[in-house]
Amino acid sequence: MSIAETATVATPAVAQDVIAVVRAAEIDLLSSDTRHDARRVRSLLHPDFREIGRSGRMWTRSDVLIELLEEPARRTPETDD
């Protein structure tokens, strides 16, 4: 069962736990240390991961891995709670 399916059928407490896990993964992906660790990125992105950027370009998991590994190190952005 996927995270989305779990959140849909789960109790509110379990759904909140799933949301917390997803949020933590999103925040982890903001860190250059994570972005330069192919094993960690693979563990965070589903093998069928797809994202469509503002330009309309579709990014696959492999595309993202390549881009992140080549990305210069940067300061981790702050997030709002």
Protein backbone atom coordinates (compact mmCIF):
# COMPACT_ATOMS: atom_id res chain seq x y z
CA MET A 1 0.00 0.00 0.00
CA SER A 2 1.38 3.43 -0.90
CA ILE A 3 1.75 6.31 1.54
CA ALA A 4 -1.19 8.07 -0.11
CA GLU A 5 -3.39 4.97 0.20
CA THR A 6 -2.36 4.52 3.82
CA ALA A 7 -3.24 8.13 4.62
CA THR A 8 -6.62 7.71 2.90
CA VAL A 9 -7.71 4.61 4.85
CA ALA A 10 -5.85 5.25 8.10
CA THR A 11 -7.06 6.73 11.32
CA PRO A 12 -6.34 10.43 11.82
CA ALA A 13 -3.38 9.61 14.10
CA VAL A 14 -1.81 7.25 11.54
CA ALA A 15 -2.46 9.76 8.76
CA GLN A 16 -0.66 12.44 10.82
CA ASP A 17 2.29 10.05 11.27
CA VAL A 18 2.44 9.48 7.51
CA ILE A 19 2.30 13.21 6.86
CA ALA A 20 5.16 13.74 9.35
CA VAL A 21 7.29 11.11 7.56
CA VAL A 22 6.65 12.70 4.16
CA ARG A 23 7.38 16.19 5.51
CA ALA A 24 10.66 15.00 7.06
CA ALA A 25 11.68 13.42 3.74
CA GLU A 26 10.89 16.65 1.87
CA ILE A 27 12.97 18.67 4.34
CA ASP A 28 15.79 16.12 4.13
CA LEU A 29 15.85 16.61 0.34
CA LEU A 30 16.63 20.31 0.86
CA SER A 31 20.05 19.48 2.35
CA SER A 32 23.10 19.38 0.05
CA ASP A 33 24.43 16.44 2.07
CA THR A 34 21.31 14.45 1.18
CA ARG A 35 21.18 15.73 -2.40
CA HIS A 36 24.76 14.52 -3.01
CA ASP A 37 24.11 11.09 -1.49
CA ALA A 38 22.69 8.93 -4.30
CA ARG A 39 21.80 6.09 -1.93
CA ARG A 40 19.84 8.44 0.33
CA VAL A 41 18.01 10.08 -2.60
CA ARG A 42 17.11 6.63 -3.97
CA SER A 43 15.68 5.73 -0.56
CA LEU A 44 13.54 8.87 -0.55
CA LEU A 45 12.23 8.74 -4.14
CA HIS A 46 10.01 5.92 -5.36
CA PRO A 47 11.42 4.04 -8.39
CA ASP A 48 8.48 5.36 -10.46
CA PHE A 49 8.98 8.95 -9.23
CA ARG A 50 7.95 11.63 -11.75
CA GLU A 51 7.81 15.39 -11.31
CA ILE A 52 6.69 18.05 -13.74
CA GLY A 53 8.56 21.32 -13.39
CA ARG A 54 7.29 24.84 -14.02
CA SER A 55 8.60 24.66 -17.59
CA GLY A 56 6.50 21.57 -18.24
CA ARG A 57 9.53 19.28 -18.32
CA MET A 58 9.00 15.89 -16.73
CA TRP A 59 11.75 14.67 -14.42
CA THR A 60 12.24 10.98 -13.65
CA ARG A 61 13.99 9.58 -10.60
CA SER A 62 17.12 9.02 -12.73
CA ASP A 63 17.01 12.62 -14.01
CA VAL A 64 16.75 13.94 -10.47
CA LEU A 65 19.61 11.75 -9.23
CA ILE A 66 21.92 13.00 -11.99
CA GLU A 67 20.98 16.65 -11.45
CA LEU A 68 21.36 16.50 -7.68
CA LEU A 69 24.73 14.75 -7.79
CA GLU A 70 26.04 17.46 -10.16
CA GLU A 71 24.51 20.35 -8.22
CA PRO A 72 26.94 22.63 -6.37
CA ALA A 73 26.71 22.57 -2.57
CA ARG A 74 24.39 25.19 -1.16
CA ARG A 75 23.03 26.42 2.12
CA THR A 76 19.95 24.49 3.27
CA PRO A 77 16.91 26.76 3.00
CA GLU A 78 14.85 27.40 6.11
CA THR A 79 11.28 26.14 6.18
CA ASP A 80 8.11 27.23 7.94
CA ASP A 81 6.40 24.84 10.31
